[in-house]
Amino acid sequence: MSTTDAATLWDGFHAARPATADPRPNLRLTEAVAGLPPGRALDLGCGTGGDALWLARRGWHVTAVDVSAVAVERLAGLALSHGLGDLVAAERHDLQTSFPRGRFDLVCAHYLHTPVDLDRASVLRTAAHALRPDGRLLVVDHGSTAPWSWNQDPDVRYPAPREVAAGIGLDPSEWTVERAEEPRRTATGAGGQTAEVTDHVLLVRRTA
C-alpha cells in the first residue's frame, strides 16, 4: 500500500472519531518517563496526542509525528489551546520515506501497528540512531488482542520485546536493553468497554 493510501486510511480513522479536548497519555509512557529529566522527545505515530501533551506539560520539547494530516492538525490545535504551542511541533511523516530531523533524548513508539506495509524494524532502527548518548527508545506494542481492535485475526502473532530488539539489530556495545517486559493492564475501548490486555514493553538506552 502506498503512502497516499496509508494517509487516506488513517485520515479516515481519525476523522470518524470525535476530537478529544484532553487526550490521556499511555500508561507505559508515564511509568517509563516519569523519573527522567526533560529534554527533546520524538513521538512516533502520535495519534490523538495524549503522549505529546503529557510530555510537554513536564517540560519536554516534543516533535510529534503521524501519517495522518487530521491527527497532526488536531494535535497542533490542542497544543495551542493548552498553552503548549512552543513545546509541541506536530509534523506529518510516513516514517519510511520521510522521517523527522534532529537528535533526541527520548523516542517513543506506542502501538505502532498498522494494516499497511511498514518496515517497522527499519523505522525503529532509524529512531534509535536519532538518539543522543544516554537517550532512550521506548517501544510499546500490543501483546494481545482487545475485543475492539481493528485486527481480529485469530492467527496474529505479537513478537516478544526481545524479539523486537533483535529485529532492530542494534550493536550491544552502543545500546543496552533496560526493560523487556510483558505487563498486563485493564484497557478501555472507545465505547467505554474494558478488557484485560497484555503490553510488550521494550526500553533501550543508547550508551555511546
N, C-alpha and C. Protein backbone atom coordinates (compact mmCIF):
# COMPACT_ATOMS: atom_id res chain seq x y z
N MET A 1 0.85 -1.19 0.00
CA MET A 1 0.00 0.00 0.00
C MET A 1 0.89 1.24 0.00
N SER A 2 0.52 2.26 -0.78
CA SER A 2 1.33 3.46 -0.91
C SER A 2 1.15 4.37 0.29
N THR A 3 2.06 5.36 0.36
CA THR A 3 1.95 6.37 1.42
C THR A 3 0.62 7.09 1.34
N THR A 4 0.17 7.39 0.10
CA THR A 4 -1.12 8.07 -0.07
C THR A 4 -2.25 7.23 0.48
N ASP A 5 -2.23 5.92 0.21
CA ASP A 5 -3.27 5.03 0.72
C ASP A 5 -3.23 4.97 2.25
N ALA A 6 -2.03 4.92 2.82
CA ALA A 6 -1.90 4.89 4.27
C ALA A 6 -2.45 6.17 4.89
N ALA A 7 -2.14 7.30 4.29
CA ALA A 7 -2.64 8.58 4.80
C ALA A 7 -4.16 8.62 4.71
N THR A 8 -4.71 8.15 3.61
CA THR A 8 -6.17 8.13 3.46
C THR A 8 -6.82 7.25 4.51
N LEU A 9 -6.23 6.08 4.74
CA LEU A 9 -6.76 5.16 5.75
C LEU A 9 -6.81 5.81 7.12
N TRP A 10 -5.67 6.37 7.55
CA TRP A 10 -5.61 6.92 8.91
C TRP A 10 -6.30 8.27 9.03
N ASP A 11 -6.37 9.03 7.93
CA ASP A 11 -7.19 10.25 7.97
C ASP A 11 -8.65 9.88 8.22
N GLY A 12 -9.12 8.84 7.53
CA GLY A 12 -10.50 8.40 7.72
C GLY A 12 -10.74 7.90 9.13
N PHE A 13 -9.76 7.17 9.67
CA PHE A 13 -9.88 6.65 11.04
C PHE A 13 -10.04 7.78 12.04
N HIS A 14 -9.18 8.78 11.96
CA HIS A 14 -9.23 9.88 12.93
C HIS A 14 -10.44 10.79 12.69
N ALA A 15 -10.78 11.01 11.42
CA ALA A 15 -11.93 11.88 11.13
C ALA A 15 -13.23 11.27 11.63
N ALA A 16 -13.30 9.95 11.69
CA ALA A 16 -14.52 9.27 12.13
C ALA A 16 -14.68 9.29 13.64
N ARG A 17 -13.63 9.68 14.35
CA ARG A 17 -13.69 9.72 15.81
C ARG A 17 -13.76 11.17 16.26
N PRO A 18 -14.59 11.48 17.25
CA PRO A 18 -14.67 12.87 17.71
C PRO A 18 -13.35 13.31 18.33
N ALA A 19 -12.99 14.56 18.13
CA ALA A 19 -11.77 15.10 18.71
C ALA A 19 -11.89 15.11 20.23
N THR A 20 -10.81 14.81 20.91
CA THR A 20 -10.77 14.81 22.37
C THR A 20 -10.07 16.06 22.86
N ALA A 21 -10.69 16.77 23.80
CA ALA A 21 -10.13 18.03 24.26
C ALA A 21 -8.85 17.84 25.06
N ASP A 22 -8.74 16.73 25.78
CA ASP A 22 -7.57 16.48 26.61
C ASP A 22 -7.28 14.98 26.62
N PRO A 23 -6.71 14.46 25.54
CA PRO A 23 -6.47 13.01 25.45
C PRO A 23 -5.51 12.51 26.51
N ARG A 24 -5.72 11.28 26.95
CA ARG A 24 -4.90 10.70 28.02
C ARG A 24 -3.60 10.15 27.45
N PRO A 25 -2.53 10.20 28.25
CA PRO A 25 -1.28 9.57 27.81
C PRO A 25 -1.35 8.06 28.01
N ASN A 26 -0.46 7.34 27.35
CA ASN A 26 -0.36 5.91 27.55
C ASN A 26 0.30 5.61 28.89
N LEU A 27 -0.25 4.63 29.58
CA LEU A 27 0.25 4.26 30.91
C LEU A 27 1.74 3.92 30.88
N ARG A 28 2.17 3.17 29.88
CA ARG A 28 3.57 2.73 29.85
C ARG A 28 4.53 3.89 29.67
N LEU A 29 4.09 4.95 29.00
CA LEU A 29 4.92 6.15 28.90
C LEU A 29 5.09 6.79 30.26
N THR A 30 4.00 6.98 30.97
CA THR A 30 4.09 7.66 32.27
C THR A 30 4.94 6.86 33.25
N GLU A 31 4.89 5.53 33.16
CA GLU A 31 5.72 4.69 34.02
C GLU A 31 7.21 4.84 33.69
N ALA A 32 7.53 4.83 32.41
CA ALA A 32 8.93 4.77 31.98
C ALA A 32 9.63 6.12 32.05
N VAL A 33 8.87 7.20 31.91
CA VAL A 33 9.48 8.51 31.70
C VAL A 33 9.36 9.42 32.92
N ALA A 34 8.49 9.08 33.86
CA ALA A 34 8.21 9.99 34.98
C ALA A 34 9.47 10.45 35.70
N GLY A 35 10.48 9.59 35.81
CA GLY A 35 11.69 9.96 36.56
C GLY A 35 12.80 10.55 35.73
N LEU A 36 12.59 10.74 34.43
CA LEU A 36 13.64 11.26 33.56
C LEU A 36 13.61 12.78 33.51
N PRO A 37 14.79 13.41 33.43
CA PRO A 37 14.79 14.87 33.25
C PRO A 37 14.28 15.22 31.86
N PRO A 38 13.55 16.33 31.71
CA PRO A 38 13.02 16.68 30.40
C PRO A 38 14.12 17.05 29.42
N GLY A 39 13.87 16.75 28.16
CA GLY A 39 14.80 17.08 27.09
C GLY A 39 14.03 17.18 25.80
N ARG A 40 14.54 16.60 24.73
CA ARG A 40 13.87 16.59 23.44
C ARG A 40 13.31 15.20 23.19
N ALA A 41 12.04 15.13 22.82
CA ALA A 41 11.36 13.84 22.61
C ALA A 41 10.77 13.78 21.22
N LEU A 42 10.72 12.56 20.70
CA LEU A 42 10.09 12.28 19.40
C LEU A 42 9.01 11.25 19.64
N ASP A 43 7.79 11.59 19.27
CA ASP A 43 6.63 10.71 19.43
C ASP A 43 6.23 10.19 18.06
N LEU A 44 6.49 8.91 17.82
CA LEU A 44 6.20 8.29 16.52
C LEU A 44 4.78 7.75 16.50
N GLY A 45 3.98 8.18 15.53
CA GLY A 45 2.59 7.76 15.48
C GLY A 45 1.80 8.38 16.62
N CYS A 46 1.79 9.71 16.67
CA CYS A 46 1.26 10.43 17.84
C CYS A 46 -0.24 10.29 18.02
N GLY A 47 -0.99 9.95 16.96
CA GLY A 47 -2.42 9.74 17.11
C GLY A 47 -3.13 10.96 17.68
N THR A 48 -3.91 10.76 18.74
CA THR A 48 -4.69 11.85 19.32
C THR A 48 -3.84 12.83 20.13
N GLY A 49 -2.59 12.47 20.43
CA GLY A 49 -1.67 13.43 21.03
C GLY A 49 -1.54 13.40 22.53
N GLY A 50 -2.13 12.42 23.20
CA GLY A 50 -2.06 12.38 24.65
C GLY A 50 -0.64 12.29 25.18
N ASP A 51 0.21 11.52 24.53
CA ASP A 51 1.59 11.38 24.99
C ASP A 51 2.37 12.68 24.80
N ALA A 52 2.22 13.30 23.64
CA ALA A 52 2.94 14.54 23.36
C ALA A 52 2.56 15.65 24.35
N LEU A 53 1.28 15.78 24.64
CA LEU A 53 0.84 16.81 25.57
C LEU A 53 1.33 16.52 26.98
N TRP A 54 1.30 15.25 27.40
CA TRP A 54 1.78 14.87 28.74
C TRP A 54 3.25 15.21 28.89
N LEU A 55 4.05 14.89 27.87
CA LEU A 55 5.47 15.20 27.92
C LEU A 55 5.71 16.71 27.96
N ALA A 56 4.99 17.45 27.13
CA ALA A 56 5.17 18.90 27.08
C ALA A 56 4.83 19.55 28.42
N ARG A 57 3.81 19.04 29.08
CA ARG A 57 3.44 19.60 30.39
C ARG A 57 4.55 19.41 31.42
N ARG A 58 5.43 18.46 31.16
CA ARG A 58 6.55 18.19 32.07
C ARG A 58 7.85 18.79 31.56
N GLY A 59 7.75 19.69 30.60
CA GLY A 59 8.91 20.45 30.16
C GLY A 59 9.65 19.89 28.97
N TRP A 60 9.16 18.79 28.38
CA TRP A 60 9.82 18.22 27.21
C TRP A 60 9.47 19.04 25.97
N HIS A 61 10.44 19.19 25.07
CA HIS A 61 10.19 19.73 23.73
C HIS A 61 9.91 18.53 22.83
N VAL A 62 8.71 18.46 22.28
CA VAL A 62 8.23 17.25 21.62
C VAL A 62 8.01 17.48 20.13
N THR A 63 8.61 16.61 19.33
CA THR A 63 8.25 16.52 17.91
C THR A 63 7.31 15.33 17.79
N ALA A 64 6.07 15.59 17.44
CA ALA A 64 5.04 14.55 17.37
C ALA A 64 4.66 14.34 15.92
N VAL A 65 4.78 13.09 15.45
CA VAL A 65 4.56 12.84 14.03
C VAL A 65 3.50 11.76 13.81
N ASP A 66 2.82 11.87 12.69
CA ASP A 66 1.83 10.89 12.28
C ASP A 66 1.67 10.97 10.77
N VAL A 67 1.26 9.86 10.17
CA VAL A 67 1.00 9.86 8.72
C VAL A 67 -0.31 10.58 8.40
N SER A 68 -1.17 10.73 9.40
CA SER A 68 -2.48 11.35 9.20
C SER A 68 -2.42 12.86 9.39
N ALA A 69 -2.78 13.60 8.35
CA ALA A 69 -2.85 15.05 8.46
C ALA A 69 -3.94 15.47 9.45
N VAL A 70 -5.02 14.70 9.55
CA VAL A 70 -6.08 15.00 10.50
C VAL A 70 -5.54 14.96 11.92
N ALA A 71 -4.80 13.91 12.25
CA ALA A 71 -4.23 13.78 13.59
C ALA A 71 -3.25 14.91 13.89
N VAL A 72 -2.40 15.23 12.91
CA VAL A 72 -1.40 16.27 13.10
C VAL A 72 -2.05 17.63 13.32
N GLU A 73 -3.05 17.95 12.50
CA GLU A 73 -3.72 19.24 12.64
C GLU A 73 -4.46 19.35 13.97
N ARG A 74 -5.09 18.26 14.39
CA ARG A 74 -5.79 18.29 15.67
C ARG A 74 -4.82 18.50 16.82
N LEU A 75 -3.68 17.81 16.78
CA LEU A 75 -2.72 17.96 17.87
C LEU A 75 -2.13 19.36 17.90
N ALA A 76 -1.84 19.92 16.75
CA ALA A 76 -1.32 21.28 16.72
C ALA A 76 -2.31 22.25 17.36
N GLY A 77 -3.59 22.08 17.07
CA GLY A 77 -4.61 22.92 17.68
C GLY A 77 -4.72 22.70 19.16
N LEU A 78 -4.63 21.45 19.61
CA LEU A 78 -4.70 21.15 21.04
C LEU A 78 -3.52 21.77 21.78
N ALA A 79 -2.33 21.64 21.20
CA ALA A 79 -1.15 22.20 21.86
C ALA A 79 -1.31 23.71 22.07
N LEU A 80 -1.83 24.40 21.06
CA LEU A 80 -2.05 25.83 21.20
C LEU A 80 -3.10 26.13 22.26
N SER A 81 -4.18 25.37 22.25
CA SER A 81 -5.27 25.63 23.20
C SER A 81 -4.86 25.37 24.64
N HIS A 82 -3.88 24.50 24.85
CA HIS A 82 -3.40 24.20 26.20
C HIS A 82 -2.16 25.02 26.57
N GLY A 83 -1.81 25.98 25.74
CA GLY A 83 -0.65 26.82 26.02
C GLY A 83 0.67 26.11 25.86
N LEU A 84 0.70 25.09 25.00
CA LEU A 84 1.91 24.29 24.82
C LEU A 84 2.45 24.38 23.40
N GLY A 85 2.03 25.40 22.68
CA GLY A 85 2.42 25.53 21.29
C GLY A 85 3.93 25.66 21.10
N ASP A 86 4.64 26.22 22.08
CA ASP A 86 6.08 26.38 21.95
C ASP A 86 6.83 25.09 22.25
N LEU A 87 6.13 24.10 22.81
CA LEU A 87 6.79 22.86 23.22
C LEU A 87 6.44 21.67 22.33
N VAL A 88 5.40 21.80 21.52
CA VAL A 88 4.96 20.69 20.67
C VAL A 88 5.01 21.10 19.21
N ALA A 89 5.80 20.39 18.43
CA ALA A 89 5.83 20.58 16.98
C ALA A 89 5.19 19.35 16.34
N ALA A 90 4.02 19.51 15.74
CA ALA A 90 3.30 18.41 15.11
C ALA A 90 3.63 18.38 13.62
N GLU A 91 4.13 17.23 13.17
CA GLU A 91 4.57 17.11 11.78
C GLU A 91 4.01 15.84 11.15
N ARG A 92 3.74 15.92 9.84
CA ARG A 92 3.28 14.74 9.12
C ARG A 92 4.45 14.04 8.46
N HIS A 93 4.63 12.76 8.78
CA HIS A 93 5.65 11.92 8.17
C HIS A 93 5.09 10.51 8.03
N ASP A 94 5.54 9.80 7.00
CA ASP A 94 5.13 8.40 6.89
C ASP A 94 6.17 7.46 7.50
N LEU A 95 7.33 8.02 7.90
CA LEU A 95 8.41 7.34 8.62
C LEU A 95 9.25 6.42 7.75
N GLN A 96 8.80 6.09 6.55
CA GLN A 96 9.62 5.28 5.65
C GLN A 96 10.33 6.14 4.61
N THR A 97 9.60 7.04 3.97
CA THR A 97 10.22 7.94 3.01
C THR A 97 10.49 9.31 3.62
N SER A 98 9.93 9.55 4.78
CA SER A 98 10.07 10.85 5.44
C SER A 98 10.18 10.62 6.95
N PHE A 99 11.25 11.14 7.55
CA PHE A 99 11.49 10.97 8.98
C PHE A 99 11.93 12.32 9.55
N PRO A 100 11.46 12.68 10.74
CA PRO A 100 11.81 14.00 11.30
C PRO A 100 13.30 14.14 11.56
N ARG A 101 13.79 15.35 11.41
CA ARG A 101 15.19 15.64 11.67
C ARG A 101 15.41 15.91 13.15
N GLY A 102 16.66 15.78 13.56
CA GLY A 102 17.02 16.15 14.92
C GLY A 102 17.60 15.00 15.71
N ARG A 103 18.09 15.34 16.91
CA ARG A 103 18.62 14.37 17.86
C ARG A 103 17.75 14.47 19.11
N PHE A 104 17.50 13.32 19.72
CA PHE A 104 16.50 13.27 20.78
C PHE A 104 17.02 12.53 22.01
N ASP A 105 16.45 12.92 23.16
CA ASP A 105 16.74 12.23 24.42
C ASP A 105 15.76 11.09 24.66
N LEU A 106 14.64 11.12 23.96
CA LEU A 106 13.62 10.09 24.09
C LEU A 106 12.90 9.94 22.75
N VAL A 107 12.76 8.70 22.32
CA VAL A 107 11.88 8.40 21.20
C VAL A 107 10.89 7.36 21.69
N CYS A 108 9.60 7.62 21.51
CA CYS A 108 8.59 6.65 21.93
C CYS A 108 7.71 6.25 20.75
N ALA A 109 7.41 4.99 20.71
CA ALA A 109 6.54 4.43 19.67
C ALA A 109 5.54 3.52 20.36
N HIS A 110 4.33 4.00 20.50
CA HIS A 110 3.28 3.24 21.17
C HIS A 110 2.32 2.63 20.16
N TYR A 111 2.24 1.32 20.18
CA TYR A 111 1.27 0.57 19.36
C TYR A 111 1.38 0.97 17.89
N LEU A 112 2.60 0.94 17.39
CA LEU A 112 2.87 1.30 16.00
C LEU A 112 2.57 0.09 15.11
N HIS A 113 1.33 -0.39 15.21
CA HIS A 113 0.84 -1.47 14.37
C HIS A 113 -0.07 -0.87 13.30
N THR A 114 -0.05 -1.43 12.11
CA THR A 114 -0.85 -0.88 11.03
C THR A 114 -1.16 -1.97 10.01
N PRO A 115 -2.32 -1.90 9.35
CA PRO A 115 -2.62 -2.88 8.30
C PRO A 115 -1.90 -2.59 6.99
N VAL A 116 -1.23 -1.45 6.90
CA VAL A 116 -0.49 -1.11 5.68
C VAL A 116 0.94 -1.60 5.81
N ASP A 117 1.63 -1.67 4.67
CA ASP A 117 3.02 -2.12 4.67
C ASP A 117 3.89 -1.10 5.40
N LEU A 118 4.64 -1.58 6.40
CA LEU A 118 5.54 -0.71 7.15
C LEU A 118 6.71 -1.56 7.64
N ASP A 119 7.92 -1.16 7.26
CA ASP A 119 9.12 -1.85 7.74
C ASP A 119 9.44 -1.30 9.13
N ARG A 120 8.74 -1.85 10.12
CA ARG A 120 8.88 -1.34 11.49
C ARG A 120 10.31 -1.40 11.99
N ALA A 121 10.99 -2.50 11.72
CA ALA A 121 12.36 -2.66 12.22
C ALA A 121 13.25 -1.54 11.70
N SER A 122 13.09 -1.20 10.42
CA SER A 122 13.88 -0.12 9.84
C SER A 122 13.54 1.22 10.48
N VAL A 123 12.25 1.46 10.69
CA VAL A 123 11.82 2.71 11.32
C VAL A 123 12.40 2.83 12.73
N LEU A 124 12.31 1.75 13.50
CA LEU A 124 12.81 1.78 14.88
C LEU A 124 14.33 1.89 14.92
N ARG A 125 15.00 1.30 13.94
CA ARG A 125 16.46 1.42 13.86
C ARG A 125 16.85 2.88 13.58
N THR A 126 16.14 3.51 12.66
CA THR A 126 16.38 4.92 12.38
C THR A 126 16.14 5.76 13.63
N ALA A 127 15.07 5.43 14.35
CA ALA A 127 14.75 6.15 15.58
C ALA A 127 15.85 6.00 16.62
N ALA A 128 16.38 4.78 16.77
CA ALA A 128 17.44 4.54 17.74
C ALA A 128 18.69 5.35 17.40
N HIS A 129 18.99 5.46 16.11
CA HIS A 129 20.17 6.22 15.69
C HIS A 129 19.95 7.73 15.82
N ALA A 130 18.71 8.15 16.02
CA ALA A 130 18.42 9.57 16.25
C ALA A 130 18.57 9.96 17.71
N LEU A 131 18.89 8.99 18.57
CA LEU A 131 19.05 9.27 19.99
C LEU A 131 20.41 9.90 20.28
N ARG A 132 20.43 10.80 21.24
CA ARG A 132 21.68 11.28 21.79
C ARG A 132 22.23 10.23 22.75
N PRO A 133 23.53 10.28 23.08
CA PRO A 133 24.05 9.38 24.11
C PRO A 133 23.24 9.51 25.40
N ASP A 134 22.90 8.39 25.99
CA ASP A 134 22.07 8.27 27.19
C ASP A 134 20.59 8.48 26.89
N GLY A 135 20.24 8.64 25.62
CA GLY A 135 18.83 8.74 25.25
C GLY A 135 18.18 7.37 25.23
N ARG A 136 16.84 7.36 25.25
CA ARG A 136 16.10 6.10 25.35
C ARG A 136 15.06 5.96 24.25
N LEU A 137 14.96 4.73 23.76
CA LEU A 137 13.91 4.35 22.81
C LEU A 137 12.91 3.48 23.56
N LEU A 138 11.65 3.93 23.61
CA LEU A 138 10.59 3.19 24.27
C LEU A 138 9.62 2.68 23.21
N VAL A 139 9.52 1.36 23.10
CA VAL A 139 8.61 0.72 22.15
C VAL A 139 7.58 -0.07 22.94
N VAL A 140 6.33 0.29 22.80
CA VAL A 140 5.24 -0.41 23.49
C VAL A 140 4.31 -0.98 22.43
N ASP A 141 4.19 -2.30 22.41
CA ASP A 141 3.38 -2.99 21.43
C ASP A 141 2.23 -3.73 22.10
N HIS A 142 1.23 -4.05 21.31
CA HIS A 142 0.20 -4.95 21.79
C HIS A 142 0.79 -6.34 21.97
N GLY A 143 0.41 -6.99 23.07
CA GLY A 143 0.80 -8.38 23.30
C GLY A 143 -0.40 -9.30 23.25
N SER A 144 -1.58 -8.72 23.11
CA SER A 144 -2.82 -9.49 22.98
C SER A 144 -3.82 -8.63 22.24
N THR A 145 -4.92 -9.22 21.81
CA THR A 145 -5.92 -8.52 21.02
C THR A 145 -7.10 -8.10 21.89
N ALA A 146 -7.38 -6.81 21.92
CA ALA A 146 -8.56 -6.32 22.64
C ALA A 146 -9.81 -6.62 21.82
N PRO A 147 -10.98 -6.78 22.46
CA PRO A 147 -12.20 -7.10 21.72
C PRO A 147 -12.58 -6.06 20.68
N TRP A 148 -12.12 -4.82 20.85
CA TRP A 148 -12.50 -3.75 19.92
C TRP A 148 -11.40 -3.45 18.89
N SER A 149 -10.33 -4.24 18.90
CA SER A 149 -9.23 -3.99 17.98
C SER A 149 -9.68 -4.13 16.52
N TRP A 150 -9.05 -3.34 15.63
CA TRP A 150 -9.34 -3.46 14.20
C TRP A 150 -8.80 -4.78 13.65
N ASN A 151 -7.85 -5.38 14.35
CA ASN A 151 -7.26 -6.64 13.87
C ASN A 151 -7.75 -7.79 14.74
N GLN A 152 -8.73 -8.53 14.25
CA GLN A 152 -9.28 -9.67 14.99
C GLN A 152 -8.83 -11.00 14.38
N ASP A 153 -7.72 -10.98 13.67
CA ASP A 153 -7.18 -12.21 13.08
C ASP A 153 -6.77 -13.16 14.20
N PRO A 154 -7.37 -14.35 14.30
CA PRO A 154 -7.03 -15.26 15.39
C PRO A 154 -5.61 -15.80 15.29
N ASP A 155 -4.98 -15.65 14.13
CA ASP A 155 -3.63 -16.16 13.94
C ASP A 155 -2.56 -15.08 14.09
N VAL A 156 -2.98 -13.88 14.47
CA VAL A 156 -2.00 -12.80 14.61
C VAL A 156 -1.01 -13.16 15.72
N ARG A 157 0.25 -12.82 15.49
CA ARG A 157 1.29 -13.11 16.46
C ARG A 157 1.98 -11.81 16.85
N TYR A 158 2.15 -11.61 18.14
CA TYR A 158 2.80 -10.41 18.64
C TYR A 158 4.20 -10.77 19.12
N PRO A 159 5.25 -10.32 18.44
CA PRO A 159 6.61 -10.65 18.87
C PRO A 159 6.90 -10.16 20.28
N ALA A 160 7.64 -10.95 21.03
CA ALA A 160 8.04 -10.57 22.38
C ALA A 160 9.03 -9.41 22.32
N PRO A 161 9.16 -8.65 23.41
CA PRO A 161 10.06 -7.48 23.39
C PRO A 161 11.48 -7.79 22.94
N ARG A 162 12.05 -8.88 23.39
CA ARG A 162 13.43 -9.19 22.99
C ARG A 162 13.49 -9.59 21.51
N GLU A 163 12.41 -10.12 20.97
CA GLU A 163 12.36 -10.38 19.53
C GLU A 163 12.38 -9.07 18.76
N VAL A 164 11.63 -8.10 19.27
CA VAL A 164 11.62 -6.77 18.64
C VAL A 164 13.02 -6.17 18.69
N ALA A 165 13.68 -6.29 19.84
CA ALA A 165 15.03 -5.76 19.98
C ALA A 165 15.98 -6.43 19.00
N ALA A 166 15.86 -7.75 18.87
CA ALA A 166 16.72 -8.48 17.94
C ALA A 166 16.46 -8.05 16.51
N GLY A 167 15.20 -7.79 16.17
CA GLY A 167 14.85 -7.37 14.82
C GLY A 167 15.40 -6.00 14.47
N ILE A 168 15.51 -5.13 15.47
CA ILE A 168 16.09 -3.80 15.21
C ILE A 168 17.57 -3.94 14.90
N GLY A 169 18.24 -4.89 15.55
CA GLY A 169 19.63 -5.19 15.24
C GLY A 169 20.61 -4.13 15.70
N LEU A 170 20.47 -3.65 16.93
CA LEU A 170 21.37 -2.63 17.45
C LEU A 170 22.63 -3.26 18.05
N ASP A 171 23.74 -2.58 17.88
CA ASP A 171 25.02 -3.04 18.41
C ASP A 171 24.98 -2.99 19.93
N PRO A 172 25.13 -4.13 20.64
CA PRO A 172 25.05 -4.12 22.10
C PRO A 172 26.15 -3.31 22.78
N SER A 173 27.19 -2.96 22.03
CA SER A 173 28.23 -2.11 22.62
C SER A 173 27.80 -0.64 22.63
N GLU A 174 26.71 -0.32 21.93
CA GLU A 174 26.24 1.07 21.87
C GLU A 174 24.83 1.26 22.42
N TRP A 175 24.08 0.17 22.53
CA TRP A 175 22.73 0.25 23.06
C TRP A 175 22.51 -0.87 24.09
N THR A 176 21.81 -0.54 25.16
CA THR A 176 21.54 -1.51 26.22
C THR A 176 20.04 -1.65 26.42
N VAL A 177 19.55 -2.88 26.46
CA VAL A 177 18.14 -3.12 26.76
C VAL A 177 17.94 -2.98 28.26
N GLU A 178 17.16 -1.98 28.67
CA GLU A 178 16.89 -1.75 30.09
C GLU A 178 15.63 -2.45 30.56
N ARG A 179 14.66 -2.60 29.67
CA ARG A 179 13.42 -3.31 30.02
C ARG A 179 12.96 -4.13 28.83
N ALA A 180 12.51 -5.34 29.10
CA ALA A 180 11.88 -6.19 28.09
C ALA A 180 10.84 -7.00 28.83
N GLU A 181 9.64 -6.44 28.95
CA GLU A 181 8.63 -7.00 29.85
C GLU A 181 7.29 -7.15 29.15
N GLU A 182 6.40 -7.94 29.77
CA GLU A 182 5.07 -8.20 29.22
C GLU A 182 4.00 -7.98 30.31
N PRO A 183 3.85 -6.73 30.78
CA PRO A 183 2.86 -6.46 31.83
C PRO A 183 1.43 -6.47 31.30
N ARG A 184 0.49 -6.65 32.22
CA ARG A 184 -0.92 -6.63 31.88
C ARG A 184 -1.56 -5.37 32.47
N ARG A 185 -2.67 -4.96 31.87
CA ARG A 185 -3.41 -3.79 32.35
C ARG A 185 -4.86 -3.92 31.92
N THR A 186 -5.71 -3.11 32.50
CA THR A 186 -7.11 -3.03 32.08
C THR A 186 -7.23 -1.88 31.09
N ALA A 187 -7.62 -2.20 29.87
CA ALA A 187 -7.76 -1.20 28.81
C ALA A 187 -9.22 -0.83 28.63
N THR A 188 -9.44 0.38 28.13
CA THR A 188 -10.80 0.87 27.87
C THR A 188 -10.94 1.23 26.40
N GLY A 189 -11.95 0.68 25.75
CA GLY A 189 -12.19 0.96 24.34
C GLY A 189 -12.92 2.27 24.13
N ALA A 190 -13.05 2.67 22.87
CA ALA A 190 -13.70 3.94 22.54
C ALA A 190 -15.14 3.99 23.02
N GLY A 191 -15.80 2.84 23.11
CA GLY A 191 -17.18 2.79 23.56
C GLY A 191 -17.34 2.63 25.06
N GLY A 192 -16.22 2.67 25.79
CA GLY A 192 -16.27 2.55 27.25
C GLY A 192 -16.13 1.14 27.76
N GLN A 193 -16.06 0.14 26.87
CA GLN A 193 -15.90 -1.24 27.31
C GLN A 193 -14.49 -1.47 27.83
N THR A 194 -14.31 -2.43 28.72
CA THR A 194 -13.00 -2.70 29.29
C THR A 194 -12.60 -4.16 29.06
N ALA A 195 -11.30 -4.40 29.09
CA ALA A 195 -10.77 -5.76 28.95
C ALA A 195 -9.34 -5.77 29.47
N GLU A 196 -8.90 -6.89 29.97
CA GLU A 196 -7.51 -7.04 30.39
C GLU A 196 -6.67 -7.40 29.17
N VAL A 197 -5.59 -6.67 28.97
CA VAL A 197 -4.74 -6.88 27.81
C VAL A 197 -3.28 -6.96 28.26
N THR A 198 -2.45 -7.47 27.37
CA THR A 198 -1.01 -7.55 27.62
C THR A 198 -0.28 -6.54 26.75
N ASP A 199 0.68 -5.86 27.34
CA ASP A 199 1.56 -4.97 26.60
C ASP A 199 2.93 -5.62 26.48
N HIS A 200 3.62 -5.34 25.39
CA HIS A 200 5.02 -5.72 25.24
C HIS A 200 5.84 -4.44 25.31
N VAL A 201 6.68 -4.33 26.33
CA VAL A 201 7.40 -3.10 26.61
C VAL A 201 8.91 -3.32 26.41
N LEU A 202 9.49 -2.52 25.54
CA LEU A 202 10.93 -2.55 25.29
C LEU A 202 11.49 -1.16 25.52
N LEU A 203 12.50 -1.06 26.39
CA LEU A 203 13.17 0.21 26.66
C LEU A 203 14.65 0.01 26.42
N VAL A 204 15.19 0.77 25.47
CA VAL A 204 16.59 0.65 25.07
C VAL A 204 17.29 1.98 25.30
N ARG A 205 18.47 1.95 25.92
CA ARG A 205 19.25 3.17 26.16
C ARG A 205 20.48 3.18 25.29
N ARG A 206 20.74 4.34 24.69
CA ARG A 206 21.97 4.48 23.89
C ARG A 206 23.12 4.82 24.84
N THR A 207 24.14 4.01 24.84
CA THR A 207 25.24 4.18 25.78
C THR A 207 26.46 4.83 25.16
N ALA A 208 26.49 4.91 23.84
CA ALA A 208 27.67 5.50 23.17
C ALA A 208 27.23 6.20 21.89
